Protein backbone atom coordinates (compact mmCIF):
# COMPACT_ATOMS: atom_id res chain seq x y z
CA MET A 1 9.17 8.40 -13.19
CA THR A 2 6.50 10.74 -14.45
CA MET A 3 4.60 10.93 -11.22
CA LEU A 4 1.55 12.65 -12.63
CA ARG A 5 0.90 9.63 -14.76
CA ARG A 6 -0.42 6.88 -12.51
CA SER A 7 -2.55 5.38 -15.24
CA ARG A 8 -2.72 1.85 -16.37
CA HIS A 9 -1.53 2.85 -19.20
CA ARG A 10 16.91 -16.77 -24.25
CA LEU A 11 15.36 -17.28 -27.42
CA LEU A 12 14.96 -21.06 -27.16
CA ALA A 13 18.24 -22.87 -27.00
CA LEU A 14 16.73 -26.34 -26.74
CA LEU A 15 13.53 -27.12 -28.59
CA GLY A 16 13.94 -30.83 -29.28
CA THR A 17 11.18 -33.21 -28.40
CA ALA A 18 11.74 -35.93 -25.88
CA ALA A 19 11.30 -39.34 -27.41
CA LEU A 20 12.19 -41.43 -24.41
CA ALA A 21 10.51 -44.78 -23.88
CA LEU A 22 9.33 -45.91 -20.51
CA ALA A 23 10.75 -49.09 -19.02
CA GLY A 24 10.68 -51.89 -21.54
CA ALA A 25 8.05 -54.59 -21.41
CA VAL A 26 8.68 -58.30 -21.36
CA ALA A 27 5.33 -59.22 -22.84
CA LEU A 28 3.42 -57.52 -25.62
CA PRO A 29 1.67 -54.35 -24.35
CA GLY A 30 -2.02 -54.44 -23.69
CA THR A 31 -4.47 -52.42 -25.71
CA ALA A 32 -5.71 -49.17 -24.20
CA GLN A 33 -9.42 -48.92 -23.67
CA ALA A 34 -11.00 -45.68 -24.91
CA ALA A 35 -11.73 -44.06 -21.57
CA ASN A 36 -10.30 -40.79 -20.24
CA ILE A 37 -8.86 -41.59 -16.82
CA LEU A 38 -7.80 -38.01 -16.00
CA THR A 39 -9.75 -36.08 -13.39
CA ASN A 40 -10.93 -32.54 -14.22
CA PRO A 41 -9.60 -32.89 -17.81
CA GLY A 42 -11.35 -29.76 -19.09
CA PHE A 43 -10.96 -27.72 -15.88
CA GLU A 44 -14.73 -27.28 -15.75
CA THR A 45 -14.75 -27.53 -11.95
CA GLY A 46 -13.37 -23.99 -11.91
CA GLY A 47 -10.39 -25.16 -9.84
CA LEU A 48 -7.04 -26.76 -10.52
CA SER A 49 -7.42 -29.88 -8.36
CA PRO A 50 -6.08 -32.49 -8.84
CA TRP A 51 -3.67 -30.70 -11.19
CA SER A 52 -0.65 -29.13 -9.53
CA CYS A 53 1.33 -26.29 -11.15
CA SER A 54 4.92 -25.24 -10.49
CA GLY A 55 5.52 -21.85 -8.92
CA ASN A 56 1.78 -21.41 -8.31
CA LEU A 57 1.70 -20.17 -11.91
CA GLY A 58 -1.38 -22.07 -13.03
CA SER A 59 -4.91 -20.70 -12.90
CA ILE A 60 -8.36 -21.31 -14.36
CA VAL A 61 -9.69 -18.84 -16.92
CA SER A 62 -12.93 -18.42 -18.81
CA SER A 63 -11.27 -17.19 -22.01
CA PRO A 64 -9.83 -18.41 -24.31
CA VAL A 65 -11.28 -21.91 -24.05
CA HIS A 66 -11.42 -24.86 -26.46
CA GLY A 67 -14.49 -26.56 -25.05
CA GLY A 68 -16.85 -25.86 -22.19
CA SER A 69 -16.47 -22.67 -20.20
CA LYS A 70 -13.06 -23.06 -18.51
CA ALA A 71 -9.42 -23.68 -19.45
CA LEU A 72 -6.00 -23.81 -17.82
CA ALA A 73 -3.62 -20.83 -18.08
CA GLY A 74 0.05 -21.29 -17.25
CA ALA A 75 1.96 -18.05 -16.74
CA ALA A 76 5.45 -19.17 -17.83
CA SER A 77 8.20 -16.81 -16.68
CA SER A 78 11.90 -16.40 -17.40
CA SER A 79 12.67 -18.84 -14.59
CA ASP A 80 9.66 -21.20 -14.56
CA ASN A 81 7.90 -22.98 -17.44
CA ALA A 82 4.64 -23.21 -15.41
CA GLN A 83 4.43 -26.99 -15.61
CA CYS A 84 1.08 -28.41 -14.50
CA THR A 85 0.86 -32.11 -13.66
CA GLN A 86 -1.60 -34.80 -12.65
CA THR A 87 -0.60 -38.24 -11.39
CA VAL A 88 -2.94 -41.13 -12.22
CA SER A 89 -3.02 -44.86 -11.59
CA VAL A 90 -2.23 -46.96 -14.66
CA GLN A 91 -1.83 -50.63 -15.49
CA PRO A 92 1.59 -52.10 -16.21
CA ASN A 93 2.65 -53.05 -19.75
CA THR A 94 -0.19 -51.08 -21.34
CA THR A 95 -0.28 -48.53 -24.15
CA TYR A 96 -1.98 -45.19 -23.46
CA SER A 97 -2.92 -42.32 -25.74
CA LEU A 98 -2.44 -38.78 -24.40
CA SER A 99 -3.96 -35.78 -26.17
CA GLY A 100 -4.89 -32.22 -25.39
CA TRP A 101 -5.73 -28.86 -26.92
CA VAL A 102 -3.16 -26.10 -26.33
CA ARG A 103 -2.56 -22.50 -27.32
CA GLY A 104 0.58 -20.40 -26.95
CA SER A 105 4.25 -20.21 -27.88
CA TYR A 106 5.99 -23.56 -27.41
CA VAL A 107 3.55 -25.65 -25.40
CA TYR A 108 4.52 -29.17 -24.35
CA LEU A 109 2.39 -32.22 -23.48
CA GLY A 110 3.86 -35.45 -22.19
CA VAL A 111 4.37 -38.03 -19.49
CA ASP A 112 7.09 -37.60 -16.88
CA GLY A 113 10.14 -39.66 -17.82
CA GLY A 114 8.63 -40.66 -21.15
CA ALA A 115 7.25 -39.42 -24.45
CA SER A 116 6.29 -35.81 -25.13
CA THR A 117 5.34 -33.54 -27.99
CA TRP A 118 5.05 -29.79 -28.51
CA THR A 119 3.70 -27.13 -30.80
CA THR A 120 3.63 -23.38 -31.18
CA SER A 121 0.18 -21.95 -31.84
CA PRO A 122 -0.13 -18.47 -30.29
CA SER A 123 -3.45 -17.41 -31.79
CA ALA A 124 -5.60 -20.56 -31.81
CA TYR A 125 -5.97 -23.90 -30.05
CA SER A 126 -4.09 -26.82 -31.62
CA GLN A 127 -4.30 -30.50 -30.69
CA LEU A 128 -1.29 -32.42 -29.42
CA THR A 129 -1.26 -36.25 -29.34
CA VAL A 130 1.35 -38.70 -28.09
CA SER A 131 1.34 -42.39 -27.07
CA PHE A 132 3.39 -44.22 -24.48
CA THR A 133 3.63 -47.69 -23.00
CA THR A 134 3.92 -48.31 -19.31
CA GLY A 135 6.66 -50.45 -17.82
CA ALA A 136 6.27 -54.00 -16.61
CA SER A 137 5.73 -52.94 -12.98
CA GLN A 138 4.51 -49.37 -13.46
CA THR A 139 1.33 -48.43 -11.57
CA SER A 140 1.25 -44.62 -11.90
CA ALA A 141 2.06 -41.99 -14.50
CA LYS A 142 2.53 -38.24 -14.13
CA ILE A 143 1.00 -36.33 -17.04
CA TYR A 144 2.26 -32.80 -17.68
CA VAL A 145 1.66 -29.74 -19.79
CA HIS A 146 3.93 -26.70 -19.74
CA GLY A 147 5.05 -23.67 -21.67
CA TRP A 148 8.57 -22.45 -22.23
CA TYR A 149 10.77 -19.97 -20.42
CA ALA A 150 10.04 -16.29 -21.13
CA GLN A 151 7.49 -17.19 -23.83
CA GLY A 152 4.46 -15.90 -21.97
CA THR A 153 1.19 -17.49 -20.89
CA TYR A 154 0.00 -20.69 -22.50
CA TYR A 155 -3.49 -22.25 -22.38
CA ALA A 156 -4.57 -25.89 -22.25
CA ASP A 157 -7.98 -27.52 -22.35
CA ASP A 158 -9.72 -30.89 -22.83
CA ILE A 159 -6.73 -33.07 -21.95
CA SER A 160 -7.36 -36.79 -22.31
CA LEU A 161 -5.47 -39.90 -21.25
CA ASP A 162 -7.21 -42.84 -22.90
CA GLY A 163 -6.63 -46.27 -21.44
CA PRO A 164 -7.56 -48.50 -18.53
CA GLY A 165 -7.35 -47.14 -15.04
CA GLY A 166 -5.09 -48.57 -12.37
CA GLY A 167 -6.90 -50.31 -9.60
CA GLY A 168 -5.48 -52.79 -7.20
CA GLY A 169 -1.90 -51.56 -7.64
CA ASP A 170 -1.80 -48.89 -4.93
CA THR A 171 -3.79 -49.50 -1.78
CA GLN A 172 -1.72 -47.41 0.64
CA ALA A 173 -3.39 -44.19 1.80
CA PRO A 174 -1.44 -40.97 2.42
CA THR A 175 -0.65 -39.84 5.94
CA ALA A 176 -3.14 -37.42 7.49
CA PRO A 177 -2.49 -33.68 7.02
CA THR A 178 -1.37 -31.90 10.21
CA ASN A 179 -1.39 -28.41 11.71
CA LEU A 180 -4.67 -27.35 10.12
CA LYS A 181 -5.37 -23.73 11.04
CA SER A 182 -7.42 -20.75 9.94
CA THR A 183 -5.44 -17.92 8.34
CA GLY A 184 -8.31 -15.50 7.78
CA LYS A 185 -12.05 -15.10 7.49
CA THR A 186 -14.81 -12.81 6.19
CA SER A 187 -18.59 -12.90 6.57
CA SER A 188 -18.78 -15.53 3.81
CA SER A 189 -15.37 -17.25 3.61
CA VAL A 190 -12.69 -18.95 5.71
CA SER A 191 -9.05 -19.34 4.64
CA LEU A 192 -7.17 -22.44 5.80
CA SER A 193 -3.64 -23.84 5.67
CA TRP A 194 -2.07 -27.14 6.75
CA SER A 195 1.15 -29.17 6.61
CA ALA A 196 1.61 -31.55 3.69
CA SER A 197 0.93 -35.28 3.80
CA SER A 198 3.23 -37.99 2.45
CA ASP A 199 2.38 -41.00 0.30
CA ASN A 200 4.17 -44.02 -1.19
CA VAL A 201 3.36 -42.77 -4.71
CA GLY A 202 2.36 -39.17 -4.27
CA VAL A 203 -0.42 -36.95 -2.96
CA THR A 204 -2.51 -35.53 -5.79
CA ALA A 205 -5.18 -33.56 -3.93
CA TYR A 206 -6.48 -32.40 -0.57
CA ASP A 207 -10.21 -32.59 0.18
CA ILE A 208 -11.60 -29.98 2.59
CA TYR A 209 -14.58 -31.03 4.69
CA SER A 210 -17.10 -28.90 6.55
CA GLY A 211 -18.50 -31.40 8.96
CA SER A 212 -19.07 -34.48 6.80
CA ASN A 213 -19.43 -32.57 3.52
CA ASN A 214 -16.55 -32.38 1.02
CA VAL A 215 -16.81 -28.68 0.11
CA LEU A 216 -13.58 -28.11 -1.84
CA SER A 217 -10.59 -29.96 -3.33
CA VAL A 218 -7.21 -28.32 -4.01
CA SER A 219 -3.74 -29.41 -5.02
CA GLY A 220 -1.77 -27.24 -2.57
CA THR A 221 -1.70 -26.86 1.21
CA SER A 222 -3.99 -23.85 1.54
CA ALA A 223 -7.51 -22.99 0.45
CA THR A 224 -10.32 -20.47 0.89
CA VAL A 225 -13.80 -21.91 1.42
CA SER A 226 -16.36 -19.40 0.10
CA GLY A 227 -20.14 -19.15 0.03
CA LEU A 228 -20.54 -19.48 3.81
CA SER A 229 -23.18 -17.83 5.99
CA SER A 230 -22.27 -14.84 8.12
CA ASN A 231 -21.84 -15.08 11.89
CA THR A 232 -21.94 -18.89 11.71
CA ALA A 233 -19.69 -21.52 13.33
CA TYR A 234 -18.05 -24.08 11.02
CA SER A 235 -15.79 -27.05 11.72
CA PHE A 236 -13.23 -27.98 9.06
CA THR A 237 -10.97 -30.99 8.46
CA VAL A 238 -8.74 -31.97 5.54
CA LYS A 239 -7.95 -35.36 4.00
CA ALA A 240 -5.17 -36.16 1.53
CA ARG A 241 -5.88 -38.20 -1.60
CA ASP A 242 -3.55 -40.04 -3.99
CA ALA A 243 -3.90 -40.94 -7.68
CA ALA A 244 -5.49 -44.30 -6.87
CA GLY A 245 -8.21 -42.60 -4.87
CA ASN A 246 -6.88 -43.65 -1.47
CA ARG A 247 -7.81 -41.08 1.19
CA SER A 248 -6.00 -40.38 4.42
CA ALA A 249 -7.49 -40.08 7.85
CA ALA A 250 -8.77 -36.61 8.69
CA SER A 251 -6.54 -33.86 9.96
CA ASN A 252 -7.14 -32.12 13.25
CA ALA A 253 -10.41 -30.17 13.25
CA VAL A 254 -10.47 -26.37 13.37
CA SER A 255 -13.58 -24.38 14.33
CA VAL A 256 -14.14 -20.92 12.86
CA THR A 257 -17.03 -18.47 13.19
CA THR A 258 -17.50 -16.24 10.15
CA ASP A 259 -17.74 -12.49 10.58
CA ALA A 260 -21.08 -10.77 10.99
CA GLY A 261 -22.74 -9.59 7.79
CA GLY A 262 -23.62 -6.03 6.83
CA GLY A 263 -20.24 -4.35 7.24
CA GLY A 264 -18.77 -7.49 5.75
CA GLY A 265 -15.38 -8.85 5.05
CA THR A 266 -12.09 -8.07 6.65
CA GLY A 267 -13.19 -5.19 8.90
CA PHE A 268 -10.34 -3.19 7.37
CA LYS A 269 -11.20 0.45 6.60
CA GLN A 270 -8.66 2.94 5.39
CA ALA A 271 -8.78 6.55 4.18
CA ALA A 272 -5.22 7.00 2.90
CA PRO A 273 -4.39 9.59 0.22
CA TYR A 274 -1.01 9.33 -1.47
CA LEU A 275 1.91 11.38 -0.14
CA TYR A 276 5.16 11.49 -2.09
CA GLU A 277 8.38 12.78 -0.55
CA GLY A 278 10.37 12.81 -3.78
CA TRP A 279 8.31 15.25 -5.85
CA GLY A 280 5.73 18.02 -5.92
CA ASP A 281 6.76 20.26 -2.98
CA PRO A 282 5.82 17.67 -0.33
CA PRO A 283 3.90 19.22 2.58
CA ASN A 284 4.58 18.61 6.26
CA PRO A 285 2.27 15.67 7.02
CA THR A 286 1.41 16.84 10.53
CA THR A 287 0.21 20.15 9.10
CA VAL A 288 -2.13 18.26 6.79
CA MET A 289 -3.28 15.95 9.59
CA SER A 290 -4.04 18.85 11.90
CA ALA A 291 -6.00 20.70 9.20
CA THR A 292 -8.02 17.75 7.90
CA GLY A 293 -8.24 14.97 10.48
CA ILE A 294 -6.67 12.44 8.12
CA LYS A 295 -4.83 9.60 9.91
CA TRP A 296 -3.42 7.34 7.18
CA PHE A 297 -1.21 8.15 4.20
CA THR A 298 -0.20 5.94 1.29
CA MET A 299 3.53 6.60 0.89
CA ALA A 300 4.83 6.42 -2.69
CA PHE A 301 6.82 4.64 -4.12
CA VAL A 302 9.07 1.77 -3.06
CA LEU A 303 11.14 0.62 -6.04
CA ASP A 304 14.17 -1.56 -6.77
CA SER A 305 17.57 0.01 -6.16
CA GLY A 306 19.25 -3.00 -7.82
CA GLY A 307 19.45 -6.67 -6.95
CA CYS A 308 15.87 -6.83 -5.67
CA THR A 309 16.68 -4.32 -2.93
CA PRO A 310 13.86 -1.98 -1.86
CA ALA A 311 14.38 1.78 -1.62
CA TRP A 312 12.18 4.84 -1.83
CA ASP A 313 12.14 5.88 -5.49
CA GLY A 314 14.81 3.22 -5.98
CA SER A 315 17.39 5.63 -4.58
CA ARG A 316 16.54 6.79 -1.04
CA ALA A 317 17.35 4.39 1.81
CA LEU A 318 14.44 2.93 3.72
CA THR A 319 15.60 4.48 6.98
CA GLY A 320 17.28 7.71 7.98
CA GLY A 321 15.99 9.98 5.19
CA VAL A 322 13.05 12.25 4.42
CA ASP A 323 10.66 9.31 4.10
CA GLN A 324 11.58 7.99 7.54
CA THR A 325 11.16 11.51 8.95
CA ALA A 326 7.69 11.84 7.44
CA ILE A 327 6.66 8.43 8.80
CA ASN A 328 7.90 9.35 12.28
CA GLN A 329 5.93 12.61 12.14
CA ILE A 330 2.75 10.82 11.03
CA ARG A 331 3.01 8.22 13.76
CA SER A 332 3.84 10.82 16.42
CA ALA A 333 0.59 12.56 15.48
CA GLY A 334 -1.41 9.34 15.96
CA GLY A 335 -1.48 8.21 12.34
CA ASP A 336 0.13 5.51 10.25
CA ILE A 337 1.25 4.73 6.71
CA VAL A 338 0.90 2.07 4.04
CA PRO A 339 3.82 2.01 1.56
CA SER A 340 2.99 1.64 -2.12
CA PHE A 341 5.27 -0.59 -4.19
CA GLY A 342 5.45 0.02 -7.93
CA GLY A 343 3.54 2.69 -9.81
CA TRP A 344 3.52 3.62 -13.48
CA GLN A 345 7.25 3.54 -14.20
CA GLY A 346 10.69 3.07 -12.70
CA SER A 347 12.59 -0.07 -11.75
CA LYS A 348 9.98 -2.16 -9.95
CA LEU A 349 10.54 -4.97 -7.50
CA GLY A 350 7.70 -7.04 -8.93
CA ALA A 351 9.23 -7.02 -12.38
CA ASN A 352 12.89 -7.28 -11.37
CA CYS A 353 13.01 -9.69 -8.42
CA SER A 354 13.87 -13.12 -9.85
CA SER A 355 11.18 -15.10 -8.04
CA ALA A 356 8.19 -14.83 -5.77
CA SER A 357 10.33 -15.81 -2.78
CA ALA A 358 12.89 -13.12 -3.61
CA LEU A 359 10.11 -10.54 -3.93
CA ALA A 360 8.62 -11.67 -0.62
CA GLY A 361 12.03 -11.15 0.94
CA ALA A 362 12.21 -7.60 -0.40
CA LEU A 363 8.70 -6.82 0.89
CA GLN A 364 9.66 -8.27 4.27
CA LYS A 365 12.57 -5.80 4.55
CA VAL A 366 10.11 -2.91 4.31
CA ILE A 367 7.64 -4.57 6.69
CA ASP A 368 10.42 -5.06 9.24
CA ALA A 369 11.78 -1.53 8.79
CA TYR A 370 8.48 0.06 9.82
CA GLY A 371 6.45 -2.61 11.62
CA LEU A 372 3.73 -2.28 9.01
CA LYS A 373 0.04 -3.09 9.34
CA ALA A 374 -0.62 -2.99 5.56
CA ILE A 375 1.16 -2.88 2.20
CA ASP A 376 -0.06 -1.78 -1.23
CA MET A 377 1.15 -3.19 -4.56
CA ASP A 378 0.42 -0.60 -7.25
CA ILE A 379 0.45 -2.85 -10.32
CA GLU A 380 0.64 -0.84 -13.54
CA ASN A 381 2.01 -0.74 -17.08
CA THR A 382 3.20 -3.57 -19.32
CA ASP A 383 6.03 -4.77 -17.07
CA GLU A 384 3.70 -5.74 -14.20
CA PHE A 385 -0.01 -5.30 -14.88
CA GLU A 386 0.09 -6.63 -18.45
CA ASN A 387 2.51 -9.45 -17.63
CA GLU A 388 0.58 -12.37 -16.21
CA ALA A 389 3.70 -14.13 -14.89
CA VAL A 390 4.66 -11.01 -12.95
CA GLN A 391 1.08 -10.75 -11.67
CA ALA A 392 1.40 -14.30 -10.34
CA LYS A 393 4.80 -13.53 -8.82
CA ILE A 394 3.40 -10.51 -6.98
CA LEU A 395 0.34 -12.37 -5.72
CA THR A 396 2.43 -15.31 -4.53
CA ALA A 397 4.79 -12.95 -2.70
CA LEU A 398 1.85 -11.20 -1.03
CA LYS A 399 0.47 -14.59 0.03
CA THR A 400 3.85 -15.41 1.57
CA VAL A 401 4.27 -12.20 3.58
CA LYS A 402 0.66 -12.35 4.71
CA ALA A 403 1.25 -15.85 6.09
CA ASN A 404 4.50 -14.74 7.75
CA ASN A 405 3.07 -11.57 9.30
CA PRO A 406 -0.21 -12.29 11.12
CA GLY A 407 -2.63 -9.38 10.84
CA LEU A 408 -0.92 -7.79 7.82
CA LYS A 409 -3.41 -6.44 5.28
CA THR A 410 -2.55 -6.73 1.59
CA ILE A 411 -3.81 -4.33 -1.08
CA VAL A 412 -3.46 -4.48 -4.85
CA THR A 413 -4.10 -1.32 -6.88
CA PHE A 414 -4.67 -1.38 -10.64
CA GLY A 415 -6.36 0.43 -13.51
CA THR A 416 -9.90 -0.02 -14.77
CA SER A 417 -12.31 0.76 -17.57
CA THR A 418 -15.52 2.72 -17.02
CA THR A 419 -17.43 -0.55 -16.65
CA GLY A 420 -15.05 -2.50 -14.45
CA PRO A 421 -11.77 -4.40 -14.68
CA THR A 422 -10.09 -4.83 -18.06
CA TYR A 423 -8.79 -8.19 -19.31
CA TYR A 424 -5.66 -7.86 -17.18
CA GLY A 425 -7.64 -6.70 -14.17
CA ASN A 426 -9.90 -9.74 -14.48
CA ARG A 427 -6.80 -11.91 -14.90
CA LEU A 428 -5.32 -10.46 -11.71
CA ILE A 429 -8.47 -11.25 -9.75
CA GLU A 430 -8.70 -14.77 -11.20
CA GLN A 431 -5.07 -15.45 -10.33
CA ALA A 432 -5.61 -14.17 -6.79
CA GLN A 433 -8.43 -16.70 -6.40
CA SER A 434 -6.51 -19.56 -8.01
CA LEU A 435 -3.41 -18.92 -5.89
CA ASN A 436 -5.43 -18.45 -2.69
CA ALA A 437 -3.55 -15.18 -2.23
CA ASN A 438 -6.16 -13.92 0.27
CA ILE A 439 -5.91 -10.29 -0.87
CA ASP A 440 -7.74 -7.95 1.50
CA VAL A 441 -8.48 -5.05 -0.85
CA PHE A 442 -8.70 -4.80 -4.65
CA THR A 443 -8.32 -1.06 -5.36
CA ILE A 444 -9.15 0.38 -8.78
CA MET A 445 -7.94 3.70 -10.21
CA PRO A 446 -11.01 5.17 -11.93
CA PHE A 447 -9.44 7.90 -14.03
CA ASP A 448 -7.55 8.34 -17.33
CA PHE A 449 -10.38 6.51 -19.03
CA GLY A 450 -9.52 8.05 -22.38
CA GLY A 451 -12.51 10.36 -22.48
CA GLY A 452 -15.74 11.09 -20.68
CA SER A 453 -16.65 13.84 -18.27
CA ASP A 454 -18.93 12.04 -15.81
CA MET A 455 -16.29 11.17 -13.22
CA TYR A 456 -18.87 10.27 -10.56
CA GLY A 457 -20.88 8.01 -12.86
CA ASN A 458 -17.77 6.43 -14.36
CA THR A 459 -16.30 5.77 -10.92
CA VAL A 460 -19.49 4.16 -9.61
CA ASN A 461 -19.94 2.05 -12.75
CA ALA A 462 -16.30 0.90 -12.63
CA THR A 463 -16.64 -0.03 -8.96
CA GLU A 464 -19.88 -1.92 -9.56
CA GLY A 465 -18.12 -3.83 -12.33
CA LEU A 466 -15.36 -4.76 -9.90
CA LYS A 467 -17.96 -5.91 -7.36
CA THR A 468 -19.60 -8.15 -9.95
CA LYS A 469 -16.23 -9.70 -10.86
CA LEU A 470 -15.33 -10.35 -7.21
CA LYS A 471 -18.72 -11.99 -6.59
CA SER A 472 -18.42 -14.31 -9.57
CA THR A 473 -14.78 -15.21 -8.86
CA PHE A 474 -14.91 -15.73 -5.09
CA GLY A 475 -18.57 -16.61 -4.57
CA TRP A 476 -19.09 -13.61 -2.26
CA ASP A 477 -22.33 -11.78 -1.56
CA ASP A 478 -22.66 -8.05 -2.28
CA ALA A 479 -21.61 -6.92 1.20
CA THR A 480 -18.50 -9.08 1.24
CA ALA A 481 -17.48 -8.00 -2.26
CA TYR A 482 -17.84 -4.31 -1.38
CA SER A 483 -15.79 -4.88 1.77
CA HIS A 484 -12.85 -6.00 -0.41
CA ILE A 485 -12.97 -2.95 -2.72
CA GLY A 486 -10.93 0.25 -2.75
CA ILE A 487 -11.16 3.40 -4.87
CA SER A 488 -8.08 5.50 -5.66
CA GLY A 489 -8.97 8.61 -7.66
CA MET A 490 -7.08 11.63 -8.99
CA ASN A 491 -7.99 15.01 -7.59
CA GLY A 492 -8.64 17.90 -9.96
CA LEU A 493 -7.32 17.40 -13.47
CA SER A 494 -6.16 13.95 -14.53
CA ASP A 495 -3.50 13.28 -17.15
CA GLN A 496 -6.29 13.22 -19.73
CA GLN A 497 -7.89 16.46 -18.46
CA GLU A 498 -10.79 14.73 -16.71
CA ASN A 499 -11.94 16.95 -13.85
CA THR A 500 -12.81 15.51 -10.46
CA THR A 501 -14.03 18.51 -8.49
CA PRO A 502 -14.35 18.65 -4.68
CA ALA A 503 -18.12 18.23 -5.11
CA ILE A 504 -17.67 15.13 -7.27
CA TRP A 505 -15.12 13.67 -4.84
CA THR A 506 -17.56 14.27 -1.99
CA SER A 507 -20.25 12.35 -3.88
CA ILE A 508 -17.81 9.51 -4.54
CA ARG A 509 -16.89 9.41 -0.84
CA ASP A 510 -20.53 9.37 0.20
CA TRP A 511 -21.25 6.54 -2.24
CA ALA A 512 -18.23 4.63 -0.87
CA ASN A 513 -19.50 5.08 2.70
CA SER A 514 -23.02 3.98 1.83
CA HIS A 515 -21.69 0.80 0.20
CA HIS A 516 -19.16 0.11 2.97
CA ILE A 517 -16.12 -0.36 0.77
CA ALA A 518 -12.72 -0.88 2.41
CA ARG A 519 -10.47 1.91 1.17
CA LEU A 520 -10.52 5.42 -0.27
CA ALA A 521 -7.38 7.11 -1.63
CA TYR A 522 -6.42 9.65 -4.26
CA TRP A 523 -3.35 10.98 -6.08
CA SER A 524 -2.14 13.06 -4.33
CA VAL A 525 -1.82 15.22 -1.20
CA ASN A 526 1.05 17.01 -2.94
CA ARG A 527 -1.53 18.23 -5.50
CA ASP A 528 -4.21 19.14 -2.93
CA ARG A 529 -3.76 22.87 -3.49
CA SER A 530 -5.43 25.38 -5.76
CA CYS A 531 -4.09 26.55 -9.13
CA PRO A 532 -7.06 27.23 -11.41
CA GLY A 533 -5.91 26.97 -15.01
CA GLY A 534 -2.58 25.59 -13.83
CA GLY A 535 -2.90 22.39 -15.83
CA VAL A 536 -1.72 18.97 -14.74
CA VAL A 537 1.24 19.70 -12.49
CA SER A 538 2.93 18.13 -9.46
CA ASN A 539 2.09 20.53 -6.63
CA CYS A 540 -1.51 21.62 -7.31
CA SER A 541 -4.73 20.25 -8.73
CA GLY A 542 -5.15 22.54 -11.74
CA ILE A 543 -8.55 23.73 -10.46
CA SER A 544 -9.98 26.14 -7.92
CA GLN A 545 -10.20 24.58 -4.44
CA SER A 546 -9.30 25.14 -0.81
CA THR A 547 -5.94 23.96 0.45
CA TRP A 548 -6.18 20.31 1.60
CA GLN A 549 -9.84 20.19 0.54
CA PHE A 550 -9.64 16.73 -1.07
CA THR A 551 -7.82 15.38 1.99
CA SER A 552 -10.53 16.77 4.28
CA ILE A 553 -13.19 15.08 2.16
CA THR A 554 -11.26 11.80 2.18
CA ALA A 555 -10.92 11.96 5.97
CA GLY A 556 -14.71 11.67 6.11
CA PHE A 557 -14.53 8.16 4.68
CA THR A 558 -15.51 5.65 7.35
CA GLY A 559 -16.58 2.67 5.27
């Protein structure tokens, strides 16, 4: 891979429509009344509930929409069509009309086990409509919308199921959720998880209560409650709900006190410049540590050596080589490392592992090899950053390893514009919220902007844009948003000849300290040496500086 460049820079085999009829009726079907019996049909709540999406590939977006301000996005992958469903109570022997507005390549709308229709409309919303008749004893129907394999993200909005609601058919409540526990907290949020309930028809949603107040509803078995007060005790319970509106008894209660305000968030602070053992005359890390006081390094890059198997650079074994030696040296000197998965190019685990669970398994191998406290997913280029299904796969895998490794901190690193996240950066943040991925640090790379010489101003503006996006997406206050932010710069000359001098990097560090962000990094220690006029090369910065000067400045980051 070109390591200087860390910028952001089955055709369908079966496309027939299902024309299956539901169970036949003995009497003539009733006439549907014109009333939409779906809940959250236009996704205007800002959440999925009570919709449930396969593979955690569904999320709520603010663009493109058909009506209102929100819509559903389904990130269909090569192995998952991102089907989103909602189960509702219906009356037997009754005709219903199902319609919805969709956008994308090969989008389907239908009822499980019955009629469906599809269209392809990649550049604009198009309406789909289909009718079906319920069976003689049918009391529920599962409505679905999905894309098609490897055809990219689809969008759906304003879905309507017109007809009479159920009522009286299902009176059995789900069983109570069990094993409710807190999986994380900040000064303004608490993350929860629980074991699933069962129901005679099916659970469609879980309602989270703070005391007696229903504060959030979700379709899965985890959630993050935001907008809380700092340093405050809360008691949470969860109830399951089915399509007929029957609610279970409450789960066990869990009490959580949010973190104190001010410093905010996770309490995680990390000054960790990148060190790369496969390129650029790598220095002895203990020499750098002794000269600068730095304690953490971000080790680049873990890639796929084939078959979703992690290896340094995709070729060097996790243990026994130069990377293991460097890690041992760092830890012997009182420091630690965070491995970075991905980067600008190469064979990446996020893109090549077949599923989120397979990717989580690959990440776990690296976590186990080194007993890690944190991992960084450097999400770049079209194969990961600009592929929304891969974004979802990565976030789901991070959610899995975080749940399986208590205390593990998860970091995502991605490119930015001078004013904040791009479309794909915003999409990444929105998916993290929708999937309840509980990411600790969102790190932007404020360089290679494509022009502009004010690297301090551009970096601050980009970071403020990220803060604004995190606040609007998660409901955080300023302090909490800052506490989930990282900055990863490029020392000296960037690929596009932008110049971050030691003085500018010092100003960026001081700004980062004054706003109490979580992480400061730069690319790379290998380049933290002087070569004025040397250009953009692997083992020096291209400018006049002292040896290890950028690392010394970074070591002064305390958050």
